[in-house]
Structures are given as structure tokens and as C-alpha cells.
Amino acid sequence: MRSVNSVEFSIPGEPCAKGRPRFNRATGHAATPPKTVRYEFLVRLSYMQQVGQSVQLEGPLCAEISAYFTIPKSASKKKRQQMLDGELHPTKKPDTDNLAKIVLDALNGIAYADDKDIVRLNVKKIWSEQPRVDVKISRI
């Protein structure tokens, strides 16, 4: 493993939140929703393609996550411009904590040993014409 001070990468597509596990009453087993499994795979794949498999951060870490959401087609030209200028913010689901959870959980054992190493977290939701999630993780 190669140690670095910070990494940055992007996850293409509409941001996705961590889904709640579903429990089977008969067996008592928990199952992760398929959408969550697919998105966590996309997070790992994006990291490995853009950063590399042999890069892992160590020590106390700071994570910055910027989730860019597609502007609704129903938005007027004026409202669309306000969204692009950052005057209007996406106050829709998913919640920022669930956005962070899916990204940080997916990177366990890949970008860092465990997400317990994340001691500072900044998550923001932004309107954009290119949906994606930008992630920056750095040593403190």
C-alpha cells in the first residue's frame, strides 16, 4: 500500500443514499438493498479507477463530499439560473448523513482501514447539470 496525504475522485451519476437493511422475519437475517449494493460498488470502482488500488490514507482524516443533483426539468429559466448560481439549494431527499454513510462505508478497507478514522466531515448538496458526487479525503 502506498501512503499519501490526500485523494480526490468523482462518482458519476445521480447521488444515492445508504438504504436501510431489510430483515427477514423467518430467519432474522438482514439484507442490504440491491440499489445500495450497486452504488457502493460504483463508489469503490470510481476510487480504484481514478486513485488506484494501492493508495490508502492513514491517521485522522477529513472527508469532504459534494453531491451534485440534476436540476428538475420543470424548473423555470429564472429558477434554473438561481440553482446554478448557488442561490437555491436542494432540500430534497436523500439526507446528507445518508449520502455520507454510503460513500464512507464503501471506502472501508480501500481508501482507509476503517471509517472510524474520519474525524471531520463536510457534506453539501448542490444543483448541477452534471449529476455526480465529488469526494476529497485528506490527512489532518
N, C-alpha and C. Protein backbone atom coordinates (compact mmCIF):
# COMPACT_ATOMS: atom_id res chain seq x y z
N MET A 1 0.84 -1.19 0.00
CA MET A 1 0.00 0.00 0.00
C MET A 1 0.88 1.24 0.00
N ARG A 2 0.48 2.21 -0.80
CA ARG A 2 1.18 3.48 -0.90
C ARG A 2 0.43 4.50 -0.04
N SER A 3 1.14 5.25 0.80
CA SER A 3 0.52 6.24 1.68
C SER A 3 0.65 7.63 1.07
N VAL A 4 -0.44 8.41 1.08
CA VAL A 4 -0.47 9.76 0.54
C VAL A 4 -1.16 10.67 1.56
N ASN A 5 -1.13 11.98 1.31
CA ASN A 5 -1.77 12.93 2.23
C ASN A 5 -3.22 13.22 1.88
N SER A 6 -3.60 13.11 0.59
CA SER A 6 -4.99 13.34 0.21
C SER A 6 -5.30 12.68 -1.13
N VAL A 7 -6.59 12.40 -1.32
CA VAL A 7 -7.08 11.84 -2.59
C VAL A 7 -8.37 12.56 -2.96
N GLU A 8 -8.61 12.64 -4.27
CA GLU A 8 -9.85 13.22 -4.79
C GLU A 8 -10.34 12.35 -5.93
N PHE A 9 -11.66 12.15 -5.99
CA PHE A 9 -12.25 11.40 -7.09
C PHE A 9 -13.73 11.76 -7.21
N SER A 10 -14.33 11.39 -8.35
CA SER A 10 -15.74 11.66 -8.61
C SER A 10 -16.49 10.37 -8.88
N ILE A 11 -17.74 10.34 -8.44
CA ILE A 11 -18.62 9.21 -8.68
C ILE A 11 -19.68 9.71 -9.66
N PRO A 12 -19.73 9.16 -10.88
CA PRO A 12 -20.68 9.67 -11.87
C PRO A 12 -22.13 9.29 -11.55
N GLY A 13 -23.06 10.11 -12.03
CA GLY A 13 -24.48 9.81 -11.89
C GLY A 13 -25.13 10.47 -10.70
N GLU A 14 -26.43 10.27 -10.59
CA GLU A 14 -27.23 10.87 -9.52
C GLU A 14 -26.79 10.34 -8.16
N PRO A 15 -26.59 11.22 -7.18
CA PRO A 15 -26.21 10.77 -5.84
C PRO A 15 -27.24 9.80 -5.24
N CYS A 16 -26.75 8.86 -4.47
CA CYS A 16 -27.60 7.83 -3.88
C CYS A 16 -27.31 7.76 -2.38
N ALA A 17 -28.33 7.46 -1.60
CA ALA A 17 -28.18 7.36 -0.15
C ALA A 17 -28.10 5.91 0.28
N LYS A 18 -27.55 5.70 1.46
CA LYS A 18 -27.48 4.36 2.04
C LYS A 18 -28.89 3.92 2.43
N GLY A 19 -29.32 2.78 1.91
CA GLY A 19 -30.64 2.25 2.23
C GLY A 19 -30.62 1.48 3.54
N ARG A 20 -31.74 1.42 4.19
CA ARG A 20 -31.84 0.67 5.45
C ARG A 20 -31.88 -0.83 5.15
N PRO A 21 -31.22 -1.62 5.98
CA PRO A 21 -31.27 -3.07 5.76
C PRO A 21 -32.69 -3.60 5.99
N ARG A 22 -33.04 -4.60 5.25
CA ARG A 22 -34.35 -5.24 5.39
C ARG A 22 -34.15 -6.56 6.13
N PHE A 23 -35.03 -6.82 7.11
CA PHE A 23 -34.89 -8.02 7.92
C PHE A 23 -35.91 -9.08 7.51
N ASN A 24 -35.45 -10.32 7.43
CA ASN A 24 -36.31 -11.44 7.13
C ASN A 24 -36.85 -11.95 8.47
N ARG A 25 -38.16 -11.90 8.64
CA ARG A 25 -38.75 -12.31 9.92
C ARG A 25 -38.53 -13.79 10.22
N ALA A 26 -38.55 -14.59 9.18
CA ALA A 26 -38.41 -16.03 9.39
C ALA A 26 -37.01 -16.40 9.87
N THR A 27 -35.98 -15.84 9.24
CA THR A 27 -34.60 -16.23 9.57
C THR A 27 -33.91 -15.22 10.49
N GLY A 28 -34.40 -13.99 10.51
CA GLY A 28 -33.77 -12.95 11.32
C GLY A 28 -32.56 -12.32 10.66
N HIS A 29 -32.27 -12.72 9.42
CA HIS A 29 -31.11 -12.17 8.70
C HIS A 29 -31.44 -10.82 8.08
N ALA A 30 -30.42 -9.96 8.03
CA ALA A 30 -30.57 -8.65 7.40
C ALA A 30 -30.03 -8.71 5.98
N ALA A 31 -30.69 -7.99 5.06
CA ALA A 31 -30.26 -7.93 3.67
C ALA A 31 -30.11 -6.47 3.26
N THR A 32 -28.99 -6.16 2.63
CA THR A 32 -28.76 -4.81 2.13
C THR A 32 -29.54 -4.63 0.83
N PRO A 33 -30.24 -3.50 0.67
CA PRO A 33 -31.00 -3.27 -0.57
C PRO A 33 -30.08 -3.31 -1.80
N PRO A 34 -30.55 -3.90 -2.90
CA PRO A 34 -29.73 -4.02 -4.12
C PRO A 34 -29.21 -2.67 -4.65
N LYS A 35 -30.01 -1.62 -4.53
CA LYS A 35 -29.57 -0.30 -5.00
C LYS A 35 -28.35 0.17 -4.21
N THR A 36 -28.32 -0.09 -2.91
CA THR A 36 -27.19 0.28 -2.06
C THR A 36 -25.96 -0.53 -2.45
N VAL A 37 -26.12 -1.81 -2.69
CA VAL A 37 -25.01 -2.69 -3.08
C VAL A 37 -24.40 -2.19 -4.39
N ARG A 38 -25.25 -1.86 -5.38
CA ARG A 38 -24.76 -1.39 -6.67
C ARG A 38 -24.01 -0.06 -6.54
N TYR A 39 -24.55 0.87 -5.74
CA TYR A 39 -23.91 2.18 -5.61
C TYR A 39 -22.59 2.07 -4.85
N GLU A 40 -22.52 1.23 -3.82
CA GLU A 40 -21.26 1.03 -3.10
C GLU A 40 -20.20 0.44 -4.04
N PHE A 41 -20.62 -0.44 -4.94
CA PHE A 41 -19.69 -1.00 -5.92
C PHE A 41 -19.19 0.12 -6.85
N LEU A 42 -20.09 1.03 -7.28
CA LEU A 42 -19.71 2.15 -8.14
C LEU A 42 -18.72 3.08 -7.43
N VAL A 43 -18.92 3.31 -6.13
CA VAL A 43 -18.01 4.15 -5.34
C VAL A 43 -16.62 3.52 -5.33
N ARG A 44 -16.55 2.23 -5.03
CA ARG A 44 -15.26 1.52 -4.98
C ARG A 44 -14.57 1.52 -6.36
N LEU A 45 -15.36 1.25 -7.39
CA LEU A 45 -14.82 1.21 -8.75
C LEU A 45 -14.28 2.59 -9.16
N SER A 46 -15.03 3.64 -8.86
CA SER A 46 -14.59 5.00 -9.19
C SER A 46 -13.29 5.33 -8.47
N TYR A 47 -13.20 4.96 -7.20
CA TYR A 47 -11.97 5.21 -6.42
C TYR A 47 -10.79 4.47 -7.05
N MET A 48 -10.96 3.19 -7.32
CA MET A 48 -9.86 2.38 -7.84
C MET A 48 -9.41 2.86 -9.23
N GLN A 49 -10.36 3.29 -10.08
CA GLN A 49 -10.00 3.76 -11.42
C GLN A 49 -9.30 5.12 -11.38
N GLN A 50 -9.75 6.01 -10.50
CA GLN A 50 -9.23 7.37 -10.50
C GLN A 50 -8.05 7.59 -9.55
N VAL A 51 -7.99 6.81 -8.47
CA VAL A 51 -6.94 6.99 -7.47
C VAL A 51 -5.94 5.84 -7.53
N GLY A 52 -6.44 4.64 -7.63
CA GLY A 52 -5.57 3.46 -7.66
C GLY A 52 -5.85 2.54 -6.50
N GLN A 53 -5.58 1.26 -6.70
CA GLN A 53 -5.86 0.26 -5.67
C GLN A 53 -4.86 0.29 -4.53
N SER A 54 -3.65 0.76 -4.79
CA SER A 54 -2.60 0.67 -3.78
C SER A 54 -2.49 1.93 -2.93
N VAL A 55 -3.46 2.84 -3.01
CA VAL A 55 -3.40 4.08 -2.24
C VAL A 55 -4.35 3.99 -1.06
N GLN A 56 -3.79 4.12 0.16
CA GLN A 56 -4.61 4.09 1.36
C GLN A 56 -4.13 5.17 2.33
N LEU A 57 -5.09 5.93 2.88
CA LEU A 57 -4.78 7.00 3.83
C LEU A 57 -4.75 6.45 5.24
N GLU A 58 -3.87 7.03 6.07
CA GLU A 58 -3.74 6.59 7.46
C GLU A 58 -3.82 7.77 8.40
N GLY A 59 -4.23 7.50 9.64
CA GLY A 59 -4.29 8.54 10.66
C GLY A 59 -5.64 9.23 10.67
N PRO A 60 -5.77 10.33 11.44
CA PRO A 60 -7.03 11.06 11.46
C PRO A 60 -7.28 11.72 10.10
N LEU A 61 -8.51 11.59 9.61
CA LEU A 61 -8.84 12.04 8.26
C LEU A 61 -10.00 13.01 8.23
N CYS A 62 -10.01 13.84 7.18
CA CYS A 62 -11.11 14.76 6.90
C CYS A 62 -11.72 14.35 5.57
N ALA A 63 -13.05 14.23 5.51
CA ALA A 63 -13.74 13.90 4.27
C ALA A 63 -14.64 15.05 3.85
N GLU A 64 -14.54 15.43 2.59
CA GLU A 64 -15.40 16.46 2.01
C GLU A 64 -16.18 15.80 0.87
N ILE A 65 -17.50 15.83 0.99
CA ILE A 65 -18.37 15.19 -0.01
C ILE A 65 -19.31 16.23 -0.57
N SER A 66 -19.26 16.42 -1.89
CA SER A 66 -20.15 17.35 -2.59
C SER A 66 -21.05 16.55 -3.53
N ALA A 67 -22.36 16.56 -3.24
CA ALA A 67 -23.33 15.81 -4.04
C ALA A 67 -24.04 16.77 -4.99
N TYR A 68 -23.88 16.53 -6.28
CA TYR A 68 -24.47 17.39 -7.31
C TYR A 68 -25.71 16.70 -7.89
N PHE A 69 -26.87 17.35 -7.72
CA PHE A 69 -28.15 16.80 -8.16
C PHE A 69 -28.62 17.44 -9.46
N THR A 70 -29.30 16.66 -10.29
CA THR A 70 -29.85 17.15 -11.54
C THR A 70 -30.95 18.17 -11.26
N ILE A 71 -30.91 19.27 -12.02
CA ILE A 71 -31.95 20.29 -11.90
C ILE A 71 -33.22 19.74 -12.54
N PRO A 72 -34.37 19.85 -11.84
CA PRO A 72 -35.62 19.32 -12.40
C PRO A 72 -35.97 20.01 -13.72
N LYS A 73 -36.51 19.24 -14.67
CA LYS A 73 -36.92 19.78 -15.97
C LYS A 73 -38.01 20.83 -15.81
N SER A 74 -38.79 20.73 -14.73
CA SER A 74 -39.90 21.64 -14.50
C SER A 74 -39.45 23.02 -14.01
N ALA A 75 -38.18 23.19 -13.70
CA ALA A 75 -37.69 24.47 -13.19
C ALA A 75 -37.72 25.53 -14.29
N SER A 76 -38.22 26.72 -13.95
CA SER A 76 -38.24 27.82 -14.90
C SER A 76 -36.81 28.27 -15.19
N LYS A 77 -36.65 29.07 -16.26
CA LYS A 77 -35.31 29.55 -16.60
C LYS A 77 -34.70 30.36 -15.46
N LYS A 78 -35.54 31.19 -14.83
CA LYS A 78 -35.06 32.02 -13.72
C LYS A 78 -34.63 31.15 -12.54
N LYS A 79 -35.49 30.19 -12.20
CA LYS A 79 -35.19 29.30 -11.07
C LYS A 79 -33.96 28.44 -11.38
N ARG A 80 -33.86 27.97 -12.63
CA ARG A 80 -32.71 27.16 -13.07
C ARG A 80 -31.41 27.94 -12.87
N GLN A 81 -31.42 29.22 -13.27
CA GLN A 81 -30.22 30.04 -13.13
C GLN A 81 -29.88 30.26 -11.66
N GLN A 82 -30.90 30.45 -10.83
CA GLN A 82 -30.67 30.61 -9.39
C GLN A 82 -30.05 29.35 -8.80
N MET A 83 -30.49 28.20 -9.29
CA MET A 83 -29.94 26.92 -8.83
C MET A 83 -28.47 26.79 -9.24
N LEU A 84 -28.16 27.14 -10.48
CA LEU A 84 -26.78 27.06 -10.98
C LEU A 84 -25.87 28.06 -10.27
N ASP A 85 -26.42 29.22 -9.89
CA ASP A 85 -25.64 30.25 -9.19
C ASP A 85 -25.47 29.97 -7.71
N GLY A 86 -26.11 28.91 -7.21
CA GLY A 86 -25.99 28.55 -5.80
C GLY A 86 -26.90 29.35 -4.88
N GLU A 87 -27.89 30.05 -5.46
CA GLU A 87 -28.83 30.82 -4.65
C GLU A 87 -29.92 29.93 -4.07
N LEU A 88 -30.21 28.83 -4.75
CA LEU A 88 -31.19 27.84 -4.28
C LEU A 88 -30.47 26.52 -4.06
N HIS A 89 -30.81 25.85 -2.97
CA HIS A 89 -30.15 24.59 -2.62
C HIS A 89 -31.15 23.44 -2.63
N PRO A 90 -30.67 22.22 -2.93
CA PRO A 90 -31.55 21.05 -2.93
C PRO A 90 -31.89 20.63 -1.49
N THR A 91 -33.12 20.90 -1.09
CA THR A 91 -33.58 20.49 0.25
C THR A 91 -34.45 19.26 0.12
N LYS A 92 -34.06 18.38 -0.80
CA LYS A 92 -34.83 17.16 -1.05
C LYS A 92 -34.05 15.96 -0.53
N LYS A 93 -34.71 14.83 -0.52
CA LYS A 93 -34.04 13.59 -0.14
C LYS A 93 -33.04 13.24 -1.22
N PRO A 94 -31.98 12.58 -0.92
CA PRO A 94 -31.64 11.97 0.35
C PRO A 94 -31.00 12.94 1.34
N ASP A 95 -31.03 12.55 2.61
CA ASP A 95 -30.41 13.34 3.66
C ASP A 95 -28.89 13.31 3.51
N THR A 96 -28.23 14.38 3.94
CA THR A 96 -26.78 14.45 3.81
C THR A 96 -26.07 13.35 4.61
N ASP A 97 -26.62 12.97 5.76
CA ASP A 97 -25.96 11.92 6.56
C ASP A 97 -25.97 10.58 5.84
N ASN A 98 -27.05 10.30 5.11
CA ASN A 98 -27.12 9.04 4.37
C ASN A 98 -26.26 9.08 3.11
N LEU A 99 -26.07 10.27 2.53
CA LEU A 99 -25.15 10.41 1.40
C LEU A 99 -23.72 10.09 1.86
N ALA A 100 -23.35 10.66 3.00
CA ALA A 100 -22.00 10.43 3.53
C ALA A 100 -21.81 8.97 3.90
N LYS A 101 -22.81 8.37 4.51
CA LYS A 101 -22.70 6.99 5.01
C LYS A 101 -22.40 6.00 3.88
N ILE A 102 -23.09 6.14 2.75
CA ILE A 102 -22.87 5.18 1.66
C ILE A 102 -21.47 5.32 1.08
N VAL A 103 -20.98 6.54 0.97
CA VAL A 103 -19.63 6.76 0.43
C VAL A 103 -18.57 6.26 1.41
N LEU A 104 -18.68 6.68 2.66
CA LEU A 104 -17.67 6.30 3.66
C LEU A 104 -17.65 4.81 3.93
N ASP A 105 -18.82 4.17 3.99
CA ASP A 105 -18.87 2.72 4.20
C ASP A 105 -18.25 1.97 3.02
N ALA A 106 -18.51 2.44 1.80
CA ALA A 106 -17.99 1.77 0.60
C ALA A 106 -16.47 1.82 0.54
N LEU A 107 -15.86 2.87 1.12
CA LEU A 107 -14.41 3.04 1.05
C LEU A 107 -13.65 2.34 2.18
N ASN A 108 -14.37 1.70 3.12
CA ASN A 108 -13.72 0.94 4.19
C ASN A 108 -12.80 -0.11 3.60
N GLY A 109 -11.55 -0.14 4.09
CA GLY A 109 -10.60 -1.14 3.62
C GLY A 109 -9.99 -0.83 2.27
N ILE A 110 -10.43 0.25 1.63
CA ILE A 110 -9.90 0.60 0.31
C ILE A 110 -9.14 1.93 0.40
N ALA A 111 -9.84 2.99 0.80
CA ALA A 111 -9.21 4.31 0.92
C ALA A 111 -8.57 4.49 2.30
N TYR A 112 -9.07 3.76 3.28
CA TYR A 112 -8.58 3.79 4.65
C TYR A 112 -8.96 2.48 5.31
N ALA A 113 -8.33 2.22 6.46
CA ALA A 113 -8.60 0.94 7.14
C ALA A 113 -10.05 0.84 7.59
N ASP A 114 -10.57 1.91 8.21
CA ASP A 114 -11.95 1.91 8.71
C ASP A 114 -12.45 3.34 8.76
N ASP A 115 -13.75 3.54 8.57
CA ASP A 115 -14.28 4.90 8.56
C ASP A 115 -14.30 5.55 9.95
N LYS A 116 -13.87 4.83 10.97
CA LYS A 116 -13.69 5.44 12.29
C LYS A 116 -12.56 6.47 12.25
N ASP A 117 -11.68 6.37 11.24
CA ASP A 117 -10.57 7.30 11.09
C ASP A 117 -11.03 8.68 10.60
N ILE A 118 -12.27 8.79 10.11
CA ILE A 118 -12.82 10.07 9.67
C ILE A 118 -13.22 10.85 10.92
N VAL A 119 -12.50 11.94 11.20
CA VAL A 119 -12.77 12.73 12.40
C VAL A 119 -13.41 14.09 12.06
N ARG A 120 -13.38 14.44 10.79
CA ARG A 120 -14.01 15.68 10.34
C ARG A 120 -14.73 15.39 9.02
N LEU A 121 -15.96 15.89 8.91
CA LEU A 121 -16.79 15.58 7.74
C LEU A 121 -17.56 16.82 7.29
N ASN A 122 -17.50 17.10 5.99
CA ASN A 122 -18.24 18.21 5.41
C ASN A 122 -19.02 17.66 4.21
N VAL A 123 -20.34 17.77 4.26
CA VAL A 123 -21.20 17.27 3.19
C VAL A 123 -22.08 18.40 2.70
N LYS A 124 -22.14 18.57 1.37
CA LYS A 124 -23.03 19.59 0.83
C LYS A 124 -23.76 19.06 -0.39
N LYS A 125 -24.97 19.60 -0.58
CA LYS A 125 -25.81 19.25 -1.72
C LYS A 125 -25.92 20.47 -2.62
N ILE A 126 -25.74 20.25 -3.93
CA ILE A 126 -25.68 21.34 -4.90
C ILE A 126 -26.47 20.93 -6.15
N TRP A 127 -27.12 21.91 -6.78
CA TRP A 127 -27.78 21.66 -8.06
C TRP A 127 -26.72 21.74 -9.17
N SER A 128 -26.88 20.93 -10.21
CA SER A 128 -25.92 20.93 -11.31
C SER A 128 -26.55 20.32 -12.56
N GLU A 129 -25.93 20.61 -13.70
CA GLU A 129 -26.37 19.98 -14.95
C GLU A 129 -25.66 18.64 -15.14
N GLN A 130 -24.63 18.37 -14.33
CA GLN A 130 -23.91 17.10 -14.38
C GLN A 130 -23.99 16.42 -13.02
N PRO A 131 -24.93 15.49 -12.83
CA PRO A 131 -25.04 14.82 -11.53
C PRO A 131 -23.81 13.97 -11.24
N ARG A 132 -23.34 14.06 -10.00
CA ARG A 132 -22.16 13.31 -9.58
C ARG A 132 -21.94 13.54 -8.09
N VAL A 133 -20.98 12.83 -7.54
CA VAL A 133 -20.54 13.07 -6.17
C VAL A 133 -19.02 13.23 -6.22
N ASP A 134 -18.53 14.38 -5.75
CA ASP A 134 -17.09 14.61 -5.67
C ASP A 134 -16.64 14.34 -4.24
N VAL A 135 -15.55 13.61 -4.09
CA VAL A 135 -15.06 13.23 -2.77
C VAL A 135 -13.60 13.63 -2.63
N LYS A 136 -13.28 14.25 -1.51
CA LYS A 136 -11.88 14.55 -1.18
C LYS A 136 -11.64 14.06 0.25
N ILE A 137 -10.62 13.26 0.40
CA ILE A 137 -10.26 12.75 1.73
C ILE A 137 -8.81 13.14 1.97
N SER A 138 -8.56 13.77 3.11
CA SER A 138 -7.20 14.22 3.39
C SER A 138 -6.81 13.94 4.84
N ARG A 139 -5.50 13.82 5.05
CA ARG A 139 -4.98 13.63 6.41
C ARG A 139 -5.02 14.94 7.14
N ILE A 140 -5.25 14.90 8.43
CA ILE A 140 -5.27 16.11 9.26
C ILE A 140 -3.92 16.22 9.95
